[in-house]
Structures are given as structure tokens and as C-alpha cells.
Amino acid sequence: MATAKANNHKDTYKATAVSLIVIGLLFLIDKFIHFASIGLPWVMNKDNLLLYASICFLIFKRDKSVGCVLLALWLVMNIGLVMSLLGSLSGYLLPLALLLVGGILLLVARR
């Protein structure tokens, strides 16, 4: 049990370190290149920094819960973007996705 906790902390530290390195590199590259000047202003959007952190946590941490929560927060913050990308299907997909996620959480909670 103690070994699992130690690995969990190592995973968390590793994912946090990689997230900070990626975000730091993006800020440094933006200072030299200016993503907005090459047509990529969305790269340094503050909302997308949360997306980058969630991806790092999903890749480098065994327990995917933190990455999933960060990704869900990003989706909630950018729901307008998600709906515009989905187009007319978003009227049906969002309620179905909420029902699906709620059902899965209910099943997991009952175990």
C-alpha cells in the first residue's frame, strides 16, 4: 500500500513537472515567435493552458482522474466552441453525453 502511494506521488510530481515545462516552453516560444503573428493565437489562450495540463496528466499519470477532471473543466469552459464544432448534432450529443457520464458514475458508485 505504501508503495502504491509513493508511485502515485511520483506520478503526480512527474505530470505536474511536465505540465509546467510544456507551459513554460510555450510562453518562451511565444515571446520569440508570437503565435498570434503566425496565425495561431489560440495556442496561448488561457483556457487552452488547462487543456495542455490535462493532456500531460492523462499521459504521465497512471490514475487518470485528475486529467479527466481537468479535461472536463476545459470542456465546460469552452462549451460554446465544442457546440459550434459539433454543429446541429450538439443539441442531441450534449444531453446524451451527460446521461452516459451520469450513468457510468452511478454504476461506479454502486460497486
N, C-alpha and C. Protein backbone atom coordinates (compact mmCIF):
# COMPACT_ATOMS: atom_id res chain seq x y z
N MET A 1 0.82 -1.19 0.00
CA MET A 1 0.00 0.00 0.00
C MET A 1 0.86 1.26 0.00
N ALA A 2 1.95 1.23 0.79
CA ALA A 2 2.83 2.39 0.84
C ALA A 2 3.52 2.61 -0.50
N THR A 3 3.83 1.51 -1.19
CA THR A 3 4.47 1.62 -2.49
C THR A 3 3.53 2.25 -3.51
N ALA A 4 2.26 1.89 -3.45
CA ALA A 4 1.28 2.47 -4.37
C ALA A 4 1.14 3.96 -4.13
N LYS A 5 1.15 4.38 -2.86
CA LYS A 5 1.05 5.80 -2.56
C LYS A 5 2.28 6.55 -3.06
N ALA A 6 3.47 5.95 -2.87
CA ALA A 6 4.70 6.59 -3.34
C ALA A 6 4.68 6.74 -4.85
N ASN A 7 4.23 5.73 -5.57
CA ASN A 7 4.15 5.82 -7.02
C ASN A 7 3.13 6.87 -7.45
N ASN A 8 2.03 6.98 -6.69
CA ASN A 8 1.02 7.97 -7.01
C ASN A 8 1.60 9.38 -6.88
N HIS A 9 2.38 9.61 -5.82
CA HIS A 9 3.01 10.92 -5.66
C HIS A 9 4.03 11.17 -6.76
N LYS A 10 4.81 10.14 -7.11
CA LYS A 10 5.79 10.30 -8.19
C LYS A 10 5.10 10.62 -9.50
N ASP A 11 4.00 9.92 -9.78
CA ASP A 11 3.24 10.19 -11.00
C ASP A 11 2.71 11.62 -11.01
N THR A 12 2.21 12.05 -9.85
CA THR A 12 1.67 13.41 -9.75
C THR A 12 2.76 14.44 -9.95
N TYR A 13 3.90 14.23 -9.32
CA TYR A 13 5.02 15.16 -9.48
C TYR A 13 5.51 15.18 -10.92
N LYS A 14 5.59 14.02 -11.54
CA LYS A 14 6.05 13.93 -12.92
C LYS A 14 5.09 14.65 -13.87
N ALA A 15 3.79 14.40 -13.70
CA ALA A 15 2.79 15.04 -14.56
C ALA A 15 2.77 16.55 -14.33
N THR A 16 2.91 16.98 -13.09
CA THR A 16 2.94 18.41 -12.79
C THR A 16 4.19 19.05 -13.39
N ALA A 17 5.34 18.37 -13.24
CA ALA A 17 6.58 18.90 -13.79
C ALA A 17 6.50 19.03 -15.31
N VAL A 18 5.99 18.02 -15.97
CA VAL A 18 5.88 18.06 -17.44
C VAL A 18 4.90 19.17 -17.85
N SER A 19 3.80 19.31 -17.12
CA SER A 19 2.83 20.37 -17.44
C SER A 19 3.49 21.74 -17.33
N LEU A 20 4.23 21.97 -16.25
CA LEU A 20 4.89 23.26 -16.07
C LEU A 20 5.95 23.50 -17.13
N ILE A 21 6.68 22.45 -17.51
CA ILE A 21 7.70 22.59 -18.56
C ILE A 21 7.05 22.93 -19.90
N VAL A 22 5.96 22.24 -20.24
CA VAL A 22 5.27 22.49 -21.50
C VAL A 22 4.72 23.92 -21.54
N ILE A 23 4.08 24.34 -20.47
CA ILE A 23 3.52 25.69 -20.43
C ILE A 23 4.62 26.74 -20.45
N GLY A 24 5.72 26.48 -19.72
CA GLY A 24 6.86 27.40 -19.74
C GLY A 24 7.47 27.51 -21.12
N LEU A 25 7.63 26.37 -21.79
CA LEU A 25 8.16 26.39 -23.16
C LEU A 25 7.24 27.16 -24.11
N LEU A 26 5.95 26.96 -23.95
CA LEU A 26 5.00 27.68 -24.81
C LEU A 26 5.11 29.19 -24.60
N PHE A 27 5.22 29.62 -23.33
CA PHE A 27 5.38 31.04 -23.06
C PHE A 27 6.69 31.58 -23.64
N LEU A 28 7.79 30.80 -23.51
CA LEU A 28 9.07 31.22 -24.05
C LEU A 28 9.04 31.30 -25.58
N ILE A 29 8.46 30.29 -26.21
CA ILE A 29 8.34 30.30 -27.67
C ILE A 29 7.48 31.47 -28.12
N ASP A 30 6.42 31.76 -27.36
CA ASP A 30 5.53 32.87 -27.71
C ASP A 30 6.28 34.20 -27.63
N LYS A 31 7.22 34.33 -26.71
CA LYS A 31 7.99 35.57 -26.61
C LYS A 31 8.87 35.78 -27.84
N PHE A 32 9.38 34.69 -28.41
CA PHE A 32 10.26 34.80 -29.58
C PHE A 32 9.48 34.82 -30.89
N ILE A 33 8.49 33.95 -31.03
CA ILE A 33 7.81 33.78 -32.30
C ILE A 33 6.50 34.56 -32.38
N HIS A 34 5.80 34.70 -31.28
CA HIS A 34 4.46 35.30 -31.22
C HIS A 34 3.48 34.50 -32.07
N PHE A 35 2.85 33.54 -31.43
CA PHE A 35 1.92 32.65 -32.12
C PHE A 35 0.84 33.42 -32.87
N ALA A 36 0.42 34.56 -32.33
CA ALA A 36 -0.63 35.34 -32.98
C ALA A 36 -0.16 35.88 -34.34
N SER A 37 1.14 36.18 -34.45
CA SER A 37 1.63 36.74 -35.71
C SER A 37 1.72 35.69 -36.82
N ILE A 38 1.75 34.42 -36.44
CA ILE A 38 1.79 33.36 -37.47
C ILE A 38 0.42 32.69 -37.64
N GLY A 39 -0.61 33.31 -37.09
CA GLY A 39 -1.97 32.81 -37.29
C GLY A 39 -2.43 31.76 -36.30
N LEU A 40 -1.74 31.64 -35.17
CA LEU A 40 -2.12 30.66 -34.15
C LEU A 40 -2.37 31.33 -32.79
N PRO A 41 -3.29 32.27 -32.71
CA PRO A 41 -3.50 32.95 -31.43
C PRO A 41 -4.12 32.04 -30.37
N TRP A 42 -4.77 30.98 -30.79
CA TRP A 42 -5.44 30.08 -29.85
C TRP A 42 -4.46 29.27 -29.02
N VAL A 43 -3.20 29.16 -29.46
CA VAL A 43 -2.21 28.35 -28.73
C VAL A 43 -2.00 28.91 -27.32
N MET A 44 -1.95 30.21 -27.19
CA MET A 44 -1.68 30.82 -25.89
C MET A 44 -2.94 31.32 -25.19
N ASN A 45 -4.09 30.86 -25.63
CA ASN A 45 -5.34 31.19 -24.95
C ASN A 45 -5.30 30.58 -23.55
N LYS A 46 -5.69 31.35 -22.55
CA LYS A 46 -5.60 30.87 -21.16
C LYS A 46 -6.41 29.60 -20.93
N ASP A 47 -7.51 29.46 -21.61
CA ASP A 47 -8.31 28.24 -21.46
C ASP A 47 -7.56 27.02 -21.97
N ASN A 48 -6.79 27.20 -23.02
CA ASN A 48 -6.07 26.07 -23.60
C ASN A 48 -4.90 25.62 -22.73
N LEU A 49 -4.40 26.47 -21.86
CA LEU A 49 -3.36 26.04 -20.93
C LEU A 49 -3.89 24.94 -20.02
N LEU A 50 -5.16 25.02 -19.67
CA LEU A 50 -5.80 23.96 -18.89
C LEU A 50 -5.89 22.68 -19.71
N LEU A 51 -6.13 22.81 -20.98
CA LEU A 51 -6.17 21.65 -21.87
C LEU A 51 -4.79 20.98 -21.94
N TYR A 52 -3.73 21.77 -22.06
CA TYR A 52 -2.38 21.21 -22.11
C TYR A 52 -2.05 20.48 -20.82
N ALA A 53 -2.43 21.06 -19.68
CA ALA A 53 -2.17 20.41 -18.39
C ALA A 53 -2.95 19.09 -18.31
N SER A 54 -4.20 19.09 -18.76
CA SER A 54 -4.99 17.86 -18.70
C SER A 54 -4.39 16.77 -19.57
N ILE A 55 -3.87 17.13 -20.74
CA ILE A 55 -3.24 16.15 -21.61
C ILE A 55 -1.99 15.58 -20.95
N CYS A 56 -1.20 16.44 -20.33
CA CYS A 56 0.01 15.96 -19.63
C CYS A 56 -0.36 15.00 -18.50
N PHE A 57 -1.40 15.33 -17.74
CA PHE A 57 -1.82 14.44 -16.66
C PHE A 57 -2.36 13.13 -17.19
N LEU A 58 -3.06 13.16 -18.31
CA LEU A 58 -3.57 11.92 -18.89
C LEU A 58 -2.45 11.04 -19.43
N ILE A 59 -1.39 11.66 -19.91
CA ILE A 59 -0.28 10.88 -20.46
C ILE A 59 0.64 10.34 -19.36
N PHE A 60 0.99 11.17 -18.39
CA PHE A 60 2.06 10.82 -17.46
C PHE A 60 1.59 10.30 -16.11
N LYS A 61 0.32 10.33 -15.81
CA LYS A 61 -0.16 9.86 -14.51
C LYS A 61 -0.99 8.60 -14.72
N ARG A 62 -0.71 7.58 -13.92
CA ARG A 62 -1.46 6.31 -14.05
C ARG A 62 -2.93 6.50 -13.72
N ASP A 63 -3.20 7.19 -12.62
CA ASP A 63 -4.59 7.47 -12.23
C ASP A 63 -5.08 8.62 -13.11
N LYS A 64 -5.98 8.35 -13.98
CA LYS A 64 -6.43 9.32 -14.98
C LYS A 64 -7.48 10.30 -14.47
N SER A 65 -7.84 10.22 -13.18
CA SER A 65 -8.94 11.04 -12.67
C SER A 65 -8.62 12.53 -12.73
N VAL A 66 -7.42 12.94 -12.39
CA VAL A 66 -7.07 14.36 -12.42
C VAL A 66 -7.11 14.88 -13.85
N GLY A 67 -6.55 14.11 -14.78
CA GLY A 67 -6.58 14.52 -16.18
C GLY A 67 -8.00 14.61 -16.72
N CYS A 68 -8.86 13.68 -16.31
CA CYS A 68 -10.25 13.71 -16.76
C CYS A 68 -11.00 14.91 -16.18
N VAL A 69 -10.73 15.23 -14.92
CA VAL A 69 -11.39 16.39 -14.29
C VAL A 69 -10.93 17.67 -14.98
N LEU A 70 -9.63 17.80 -15.23
CA LEU A 70 -9.13 18.99 -15.92
C LEU A 70 -9.70 19.10 -17.33
N LEU A 71 -9.81 17.98 -18.01
CA LEU A 71 -10.39 17.98 -19.35
C LEU A 71 -11.87 18.35 -19.31
N ALA A 72 -12.58 17.84 -18.32
CA ALA A 72 -14.00 18.20 -18.16
C ALA A 72 -14.16 19.69 -17.87
N LEU A 73 -13.27 20.24 -17.04
CA LEU A 73 -13.32 21.68 -16.77
C LEU A 73 -13.07 22.49 -18.05
N TRP A 74 -12.12 22.03 -18.86
CA TRP A 74 -11.85 22.71 -20.11
C TRP A 74 -13.07 22.66 -21.03
N LEU A 75 -13.72 21.49 -21.08
CA LEU A 75 -14.91 21.35 -21.92
C LEU A 75 -16.03 22.26 -21.45
N VAL A 76 -16.22 22.36 -20.14
CA VAL A 76 -17.27 23.24 -19.60
C VAL A 76 -16.95 24.69 -19.92
N MET A 77 -15.68 25.07 -19.77
CA MET A 77 -15.29 26.46 -20.03
C MET A 77 -15.41 26.81 -21.52
N ASN A 78 -15.30 25.82 -22.38
CA ASN A 78 -15.34 26.05 -23.83
C ASN A 78 -16.52 25.35 -24.47
N ILE A 79 -17.64 25.29 -23.77
CA ILE A 79 -18.80 24.58 -24.29
C ILE A 79 -19.30 25.20 -25.59
N GLY A 80 -19.17 26.52 -25.73
CA GLY A 80 -19.58 27.18 -26.97
C GLY A 80 -18.76 26.71 -28.15
N LEU A 81 -17.47 26.55 -27.95
CA LEU A 81 -16.59 26.05 -29.01
C LEU A 81 -16.93 24.62 -29.37
N VAL A 82 -17.15 23.80 -28.35
CA VAL A 82 -17.49 22.40 -28.59
C VAL A 82 -18.81 22.29 -29.35
N MET A 83 -19.79 23.07 -28.96
CA MET A 83 -21.09 23.02 -29.64
C MET A 83 -20.98 23.52 -31.07
N SER A 84 -20.18 24.55 -31.30
CA SER A 84 -20.05 25.05 -32.67
C SER A 84 -19.31 24.04 -33.55
N LEU A 85 -18.37 23.30 -32.97
CA LEU A 85 -17.67 22.27 -33.75
C LEU A 85 -18.59 21.09 -34.07
N LEU A 86 -19.50 20.79 -33.15
CA LEU A 86 -20.41 19.67 -33.38
C LEU A 86 -21.58 20.05 -34.29
N GLY A 87 -21.87 21.32 -34.40
CA GLY A 87 -22.94 21.78 -35.27
C GLY A 87 -24.31 21.40 -34.75
N SER A 88 -25.16 20.94 -35.63
CA SER A 88 -26.54 20.64 -35.26
C SER A 88 -26.64 19.40 -34.39
N LEU A 89 -25.63 18.55 -34.40
CA LEU A 89 -25.65 17.36 -33.56
C LEU A 89 -25.53 17.68 -32.08
N SER A 90 -25.00 18.88 -31.76
CA SER A 90 -24.75 19.21 -30.36
C SER A 90 -26.03 19.23 -29.54
N GLY A 91 -27.14 19.52 -30.16
CA GLY A 91 -28.41 19.51 -29.45
C GLY A 91 -28.76 18.14 -28.90
N TYR A 92 -28.30 17.10 -29.56
CA TYR A 92 -28.57 15.73 -29.11
C TYR A 92 -27.39 15.12 -28.36
N LEU A 93 -26.17 15.45 -28.78
CA LEU A 93 -25.00 14.82 -28.19
C LEU A 93 -24.73 15.26 -26.75
N LEU A 94 -24.94 16.54 -26.45
CA LEU A 94 -24.68 17.01 -25.10
C LEU A 94 -25.58 16.33 -24.07
N PRO A 95 -26.90 16.28 -24.29
CA PRO A 95 -27.73 15.57 -23.31
C PRO A 95 -27.41 14.08 -23.23
N LEU A 96 -27.12 13.46 -24.37
CA LEU A 96 -26.77 12.04 -24.36
C LEU A 96 -25.44 11.80 -23.64
N ALA A 97 -24.49 12.69 -23.84
CA ALA A 97 -23.20 12.55 -23.15
C ALA A 97 -23.37 12.73 -21.64
N LEU A 98 -24.20 13.68 -21.24
CA LEU A 98 -24.45 13.88 -19.82
C LEU A 98 -25.14 12.66 -19.21
N LEU A 99 -26.10 12.09 -19.93
CA LEU A 99 -26.76 10.88 -19.44
C LEU A 99 -25.79 9.71 -19.34
N LEU A 100 -24.93 9.58 -20.33
CA LEU A 100 -23.95 8.50 -20.34
C LEU A 100 -22.96 8.63 -19.19
N VAL A 101 -22.41 9.82 -19.01
CA VAL A 101 -21.44 10.04 -17.93
C VAL A 101 -22.12 9.86 -16.57
N GLY A 102 -23.31 10.37 -16.42
CA GLY A 102 -24.05 10.19 -15.16
C GLY A 102 -24.32 8.73 -14.87
N GLY A 103 -24.71 7.97 -15.90
CA GLY A 103 -24.95 6.54 -15.71
C GLY A 103 -23.69 5.78 -15.32
N ILE A 104 -22.58 6.12 -15.96
CA ILE A 104 -21.32 5.46 -15.63
C ILE A 104 -20.91 5.78 -14.20
N LEU A 105 -21.04 7.03 -13.81
CA LEU A 105 -20.69 7.41 -12.43
C LEU A 105 -21.60 6.71 -11.42
N LEU A 106 -22.87 6.57 -11.76
CA LEU A 106 -23.80 5.87 -10.88
C LEU A 106 -23.42 4.41 -10.73
N LEU A 107 -23.05 3.76 -11.83
CA LEU A 107 -22.62 2.37 -11.76
C LEU A 107 -21.34 2.19 -10.95
N VAL A 108 -20.41 3.10 -11.13
CA VAL A 108 -19.15 3.02 -10.38
C VAL A 108 -19.40 3.25 -8.89
N ALA A 109 -20.30 4.18 -8.58
CA ALA A 109 -20.59 4.49 -7.17
C ALA A 109 -21.29 3.32 -6.46
N ARG A 110 -22.04 2.52 -7.19
CA ARG A 110 -22.76 1.39 -6.57
C ARG A 110 -21.88 0.18 -6.33
N ARG A 111 -20.71 0.13 -6.93
CA ARG A 111 -19.82 -1.02 -6.75
C ARG A 111 -19.23 -1.06 -5.41
